[in-house]
Amino acid sequence: MGEFAHNIDRKGRLIMPAKFREDLGETVVVNRGLDGCLYVYTMAQWQVVYEKLKTLPSTNKDARMYQRMMLSKAAECDLDGQGRILIPAGLVQLAGLEKECVIIGVANHIEIWAKDRWEKVEDVEEASFEEAAERLSGLMEM
């Protein structure tokens, strides 16, 4: 959990926050996320996601599309000695990453956002946060 600001360099390298590095291990999976961000999973977390994706029925058009979209962009990325990952150019472009990024911890994964996209999403979600909490109240106890 947490929110951190870091810059991505011209080569597509992004420093992972020190708070996350120990848990990430040496290799992570970076993938297309929802809402315009990228998801980062540990190898163990990715295996859980991958196993769930494999159970989707191939006879269902939405399932086939979702598998394609999730698996076609997934990339294993190693953390270098400085705690950076090299994000493939296609994923950098997909998420609109140019310089300033926001990295947030979300339950079982990390999200990487272009700063401007994150600020827009955060503004919209902040406005409906309490209503969403009310709608979800039956699903979880606080």
C-alpha atoms as a PDB file:
ATOM      1  CA  MET A   1       0.000   0.000   0.000  1.00  0.00           C
ATOM      2  CA  GLY A   2       1.046   3.595  -0.371  1.00  0.00           C
ATOM      3  CA  GLU A   3       1.551   6.184  -3.111  1.00  0.00           C
ATOM      4  CA  PHE A   4       4.935   7.190  -4.501  1.00  0.00           C
ATOM      5  CA  ALA A   5       6.108   9.586  -7.211  1.00  0.00           C
ATOM      6  CA  HIS A   6       8.997   8.572  -9.484  1.00  0.00           C
ATOM      7  CA  ASN A   7      10.131   9.504 -12.973  1.00  0.00           C
ATOM      8  CA  ILE A   8      10.474   7.074 -15.851  1.00  0.00           C
ATOM      9  CA  ASP A   9      13.568   7.705 -17.953  1.00  0.00           C
ATOM     10  CA  ARG A  10      13.790   7.801 -21.764  1.00  0.00           C
ATOM     11  CA  LYS A  11      14.803   4.137 -21.860  1.00  0.00           C
ATOM     12  CA  GLY A  12      11.646   3.091 -19.996  1.00  0.00           C
ATOM     13  CA  ARG A  13      13.335   2.423 -16.647  1.00  0.00           C
ATOM     14  CA  LEU A  14      11.333   3.169 -13.518  1.00  0.00           C
ATOM     15  CA  ILE A  15      12.538   2.950  -9.929  1.00  0.00           C
ATOM     16  CA  MET A  16      10.324   0.800  -7.752  1.00  0.00           C
ATOM     17  CA  PRO A  17       9.766   2.363  -4.321  1.00  0.00           C
ATOM     18  CA  ALA A  18      12.148   0.969  -1.696  1.00  0.00           C
ATOM     19  CA  LYS A  19       9.116  -0.038   0.393  1.00  0.00           C
ATOM     20  CA  PHE A  20       8.052  -2.499  -2.328  1.00  0.00           C
ATOM     21  CA  ARG A  21      11.414  -3.889  -3.458  1.00  0.00           C
ATOM     22  CA  GLU A  22      11.955  -6.546  -0.807  1.00  0.00           C
ATOM     23  CA  ASP A  23       8.553  -8.107  -1.446  1.00  0.00           C
ATOM     24  CA  LEU A  24       8.879  -7.927  -5.238  1.00  0.00           C
ATOM     25  CA  GLY A  25      11.877 -10.216  -5.584  1.00  0.00           C
ATOM     26  CA  GLU A  26      14.241 -10.113  -8.565  1.00  0.00           C
ATOM     27  CA  THR A  27      11.654 -10.501 -11.339  1.00  0.00           C
ATOM     28  CA  VAL A  28       8.125  -9.126 -11.679  1.00  0.00           C
ATOM     29  CA  VAL A  29       5.397  -9.287 -14.302  1.00  0.00           C
ATOM     30  CA  VAL A  30       4.275  -5.954 -15.717  1.00  0.00           C
ATOM     31  CA  ASN A  31       0.992  -5.999 -17.538  1.00  0.00           C
ATOM     32  CA  ARG A  32      -1.842  -3.976 -18.940  1.00  0.00           C
ATOM     33  CA  GLY A  33      -4.049  -2.808 -16.091  1.00  0.00           C
ATOM     34  CA  LEU A  34      -7.560  -1.502 -15.972  1.00  0.00           C
ATOM     35  CA  ASP A  35      -8.502   2.189 -16.175  1.00  0.00           C
ATOM     36  CA  GLY A  36      -5.337   3.181 -18.075  1.00  0.00           C
ATOM     37  CA  CYS A  37      -2.561   2.036 -15.740  1.00  0.00           C
ATOM     38  CA  LEU A  38      -0.095  -0.853 -15.614  1.00  0.00           C
ATOM     39  CA  TYR A  39      -0.204  -3.667 -13.081  1.00  0.00           C
ATOM     40  CA  VAL A  40       2.929  -5.101 -11.473  1.00  0.00           C
ATOM     41  CA  TYR A  41       2.798  -8.548  -9.890  1.00  0.00           C
ATOM     42  CA  THR A  42       5.345 -10.623  -8.032  1.00  0.00           C
ATOM     43  CA  MET A  43       5.986 -13.912  -9.795  1.00  0.00           C
ATOM     44  CA  ALA A  44       3.880 -15.732  -7.171  1.00  0.00           C
ATOM     45  CA  GLN A  45       0.994 -13.272  -7.523  1.00  0.00           C
ATOM     46  CA  TRP A  46       1.172 -13.513 -11.321  1.00  0.00           C
ATOM     47  CA  GLN A  47       0.953 -17.300 -11.121  1.00  0.00           C
ATOM     48  CA  VAL A  48      -2.343 -16.981  -9.209  1.00  0.00           C
ATOM     49  CA  VAL A  49      -3.705 -14.545 -11.827  1.00  0.00           C
ATOM     50  CA  TYR A  50      -2.477 -16.767 -14.663  1.00  0.00           C
ATOM     51  CA  GLU A  51      -4.116 -19.868 -13.200  1.00  0.00           C
ATOM     52  CA  LYS A  52      -7.436 -17.988 -12.934  1.00  0.00           C
ATOM     53  CA  LEU A  53      -7.116 -16.770 -16.529  1.00  0.00           C
ATOM     54  CA  LYS A  54      -6.586 -20.363 -17.683  1.00  0.00           C
ATOM     55  CA  THR A  55      -9.925 -21.397 -16.157  1.00  0.00           C
ATOM     56  CA  LEU A  56     -11.940 -18.967 -18.293  1.00  0.00           C
ATOM     57  CA  PRO A  57     -14.032 -20.871 -20.844  1.00  0.00           C
ATOM     58  CA  SER A  58     -12.663 -20.715 -24.390  1.00  0.00           C
ATOM     59  CA  THR A  59     -16.251 -20.932 -25.656  1.00  0.00           C
ATOM     60  CA  ASN A  60     -17.034 -17.505 -24.179  1.00  0.00           C
ATOM     61  CA  LYS A  61     -16.143 -14.581 -26.455  1.00  0.00           C
ATOM     62  CA  ASP A  62     -15.521 -12.161 -23.546  1.00  0.00           C
ATOM     63  CA  ALA A  63     -13.266 -14.715 -21.856  1.00  0.00           C
ATOM     64  CA  ARG A  64     -11.180 -15.189 -25.014  1.00  0.00           C
ATOM     65  CA  MET A  65     -10.836 -11.428 -25.481  1.00  0.00           C
ATOM     66  CA  TYR A  66      -9.888 -10.878 -21.839  1.00  0.00           C
ATOM     67  CA  GLN A  67      -7.267 -13.648 -21.953  1.00  0.00           C
ATOM     68  CA  ARG A  68      -5.769 -12.184 -25.136  1.00  0.00           C
ATOM     69  CA  MET A  69      -5.630  -8.667 -23.767  1.00  0.00           C
ATOM     70  CA  MET A  70      -4.143  -9.743 -20.440  1.00  0.00           C
ATOM     71  CA  LEU A  71      -1.620 -12.258 -21.736  1.00  0.00           C
ATOM     72  CA  SER A  72      -0.446 -10.554 -24.939  1.00  0.00           C
ATOM     73  CA  LYS A  73       1.044  -7.572 -23.103  1.00  0.00           C
ATOM     74  CA  ALA A  74       2.386  -9.342 -20.000  1.00  0.00           C
ATOM     75  CA  ALA A  75       6.168  -9.054 -19.652  1.00  0.00           C
ATOM     76  CA  GLU A  76       8.658 -10.418 -17.150  1.00  0.00           C
ATOM     77  CA  CYS A  77      10.913  -7.592 -15.976  1.00  0.00           C
ATOM     78  CA  ASP A  78      13.985  -7.872 -13.778  1.00  0.00           C
ATOM     79  CA  LEU A  79      14.822  -5.363 -11.072  1.00  0.00           C
ATOM     80  CA  ASP A  80      18.342  -4.038 -11.588  1.00  0.00           C
ATOM     81  CA  GLY A  81      20.827  -3.152  -8.844  1.00  0.00           C
ATOM     82  CA  GLN A  82      19.232   0.267  -8.433  1.00  0.00           C
ATOM     83  CA  GLY A  83      15.718  -1.143  -7.994  1.00  0.00           C
ATOM     84  CA  ARG A  84      14.569  -0.178 -11.483  1.00  0.00           C
ATOM     85  CA  ILE A  85      12.492  -2.155 -13.925  1.00  0.00           C
ATOM     86  CA  LEU A  86      12.702  -1.743 -17.683  1.00  0.00           C
ATOM     87  CA  ILE A  87       9.125  -1.447 -18.914  1.00  0.00           C
ATOM     88  CA  PRO A  88       8.624  -2.559 -22.531  1.00  0.00           C
ATOM     89  CA  ALA A  89       7.919   0.303 -24.940  1.00  0.00           C
ATOM     90  CA  GLY A  90       4.465  -1.023 -25.829  1.00  0.00           C
ATOM     91  CA  LEU A  91       3.379  -0.922 -22.198  1.00  0.00           C
ATOM     92  CA  VAL A  92       4.905   2.530 -21.686  1.00  0.00           C
ATOM     93  CA  GLN A  93       2.864   3.768 -24.629  1.00  0.00           C
ATOM     94  CA  LEU A  94      -0.302   1.943 -23.532  1.00  0.00           C
ATOM     95  CA  ALA A  95      -0.211   3.640 -20.111  1.00  0.00           C
ATOM     96  CA  GLY A  96       0.828   7.048 -21.481  1.00  0.00           C
ATOM     97  CA  LEU A  97       3.990   7.124 -19.342  1.00  0.00           C
ATOM     98  CA  GLU A  98       6.174  10.073 -20.301  1.00  0.00           C
ATOM     99  CA  LYS A  99       8.095  11.296 -17.268  1.00  0.00           C
ATOM    100  CA  GLU A 100       6.245  11.721 -13.994  1.00  0.00           C
ATOM    101  CA  CYS A 101       4.659   8.526 -12.695  1.00  0.00           C
ATOM    102  CA  VAL A 102       2.683   7.567  -9.634  1.00  0.00           C
ATOM    103  CA  ILE A 103       3.185   4.098  -8.174  1.00  0.00           C
ATOM    104  CA  ILE A 104       0.538   2.808  -5.801  1.00  0.00           C
ATOM    105  CA  GLY A 105       0.135  -0.378  -3.804  1.00  0.00           C
ATOM    106  CA  VAL A 106      -3.271  -2.004  -4.303  1.00  0.00           C
ATOM    107  CA  ALA A 107      -3.981  -5.265  -2.433  1.00  0.00           C
ATOM    108  CA  ASN A 108      -2.237  -8.008  -4.462  1.00  0.00           C
ATOM    109  CA  HIS A 109      -0.464  -5.833  -7.022  1.00  0.00           C
ATOM    110  CA  ILE A 110       1.160  -2.475  -7.731  1.00  0.00           C
ATOM    111  CA  GLU A 111      -0.231   0.044 -10.197  1.00  0.00           C
ATOM    112  CA  ILE A 112       1.876   2.396 -12.315  1.00  0.00           C
ATOM    113  CA  TRP A 113       0.118   5.525 -13.544  1.00  0.00           C
ATOM    114  CA  ALA A 114       1.058   8.490 -15.677  1.00  0.00           C
ATOM    115  CA  LYS A 115       0.797  11.333 -13.160  1.00  0.00           C
ATOM    116  CA  ASP A 116      -1.830  13.258 -15.133  1.00  0.00           C
ATOM    117  CA  ARG A 117      -4.007  10.154 -15.604  1.00  0.00           C
ATOM    118  CA  TRP A 118      -3.761   9.292 -11.915  1.00  0.00           C
ATOM    119  CA  GLU A 119      -4.779  12.808 -10.870  1.00  0.00           C
ATOM    120  CA  LYS A 120      -7.875  12.675 -13.114  1.00  0.00           C
ATOM    121  CA  VAL A 121      -8.878   9.213 -11.869  1.00  0.00           C
ATOM    122  CA  GLU A 122      -8.227  10.183  -8.272  1.00  0.00           C
ATOM    123  CA  ASP A 123     -10.419  13.301  -8.597  1.00  0.00           C
ATOM    124  CA  VAL A 124     -13.321  11.288 -10.030  1.00  0.00           C
ATOM    125  CA  GLU A 125     -12.958   8.429  -7.557  1.00  0.00           C
ATOM    126  CA  GLU A 126     -12.565  10.746  -4.582  1.00  0.00           C
ATOM    127  CA  ALA A 127     -15.964  12.228  -5.395  1.00  0.00           C
ATOM    128  CA  SER A 128     -17.683   8.825  -5.312  1.00  0.00           C
ATOM    129  CA  PHE A 129     -15.570   7.096  -2.643  1.00  0.00           C
ATOM    130  CA  GLU A 130     -18.149   7.221   0.146  1.00  0.00           C
ATOM    131  CA  GLU A 131     -21.001   6.072  -2.107  1.00  0.00           C
ATOM    132  CA  ALA A 132     -18.866   3.141  -3.296  1.00  0.00           C
ATOM    133  CA  ALA A 133     -18.082   2.226   0.309  1.00  0.00           C
ATOM    134  CA  GLU A 134     -21.801   2.163   1.034  1.00  0.00           C
ATOM    135  CA  ARG A 135     -22.541  -0.050  -2.008  1.00  0.00           C
ATOM    136  CA  LEU A 136     -19.754  -2.455  -1.040  1.00  0.00           C
ATOM    137  CA  SER A 137     -20.699  -2.601   2.642  1.00  0.00           C
ATOM    138  CA  GLY A 138     -22.318  -6.007   2.252  1.00  0.00           C
ATOM    139  CA  LEU A 139     -19.166  -7.469   0.679  1.00  0.00           C
ATOM    140  CA  MET A 140     -16.717  -6.499   3.389  1.00  0.00           C
ATOM    141  CA  GLU A 141     -16.620  -5.468   6.994  1.00  0.00           C
ATOM    142  CA  MET A 142     -14.415  -2.630   8.178  1.00  0.00           C
END
